């Protein structure tokens, strides 16, 4: 969907930092999203390797060795250009 260049830009920005990395820790900040977040999500994701990052419409998919995980878009803000995804430099990226 070309009308969502910011999502593709995010994908292009995080893919080189995520692909091939192992998920060390999972933090669920809000478990009551559009779809309920399973209470045992961390158990299923920690230790898994991210094989690829793909975009479908406004969602990012992290393809893992055991399947895929949907990363929902952030909530809308007044200035959508202020959204950024910045990988941590001190340790491997964590799915947050």
Foldseek 3Di string as FASTA:
>chain_A
DVVCVVQVVQQVVCFVQQAFDFAAFADDPDQPDPDGDDPCVRVVRHGWHFHGWDDDVQWIWGQTPVGIDIDHDDDDDPDNVPDDDDADPPDRRHHD
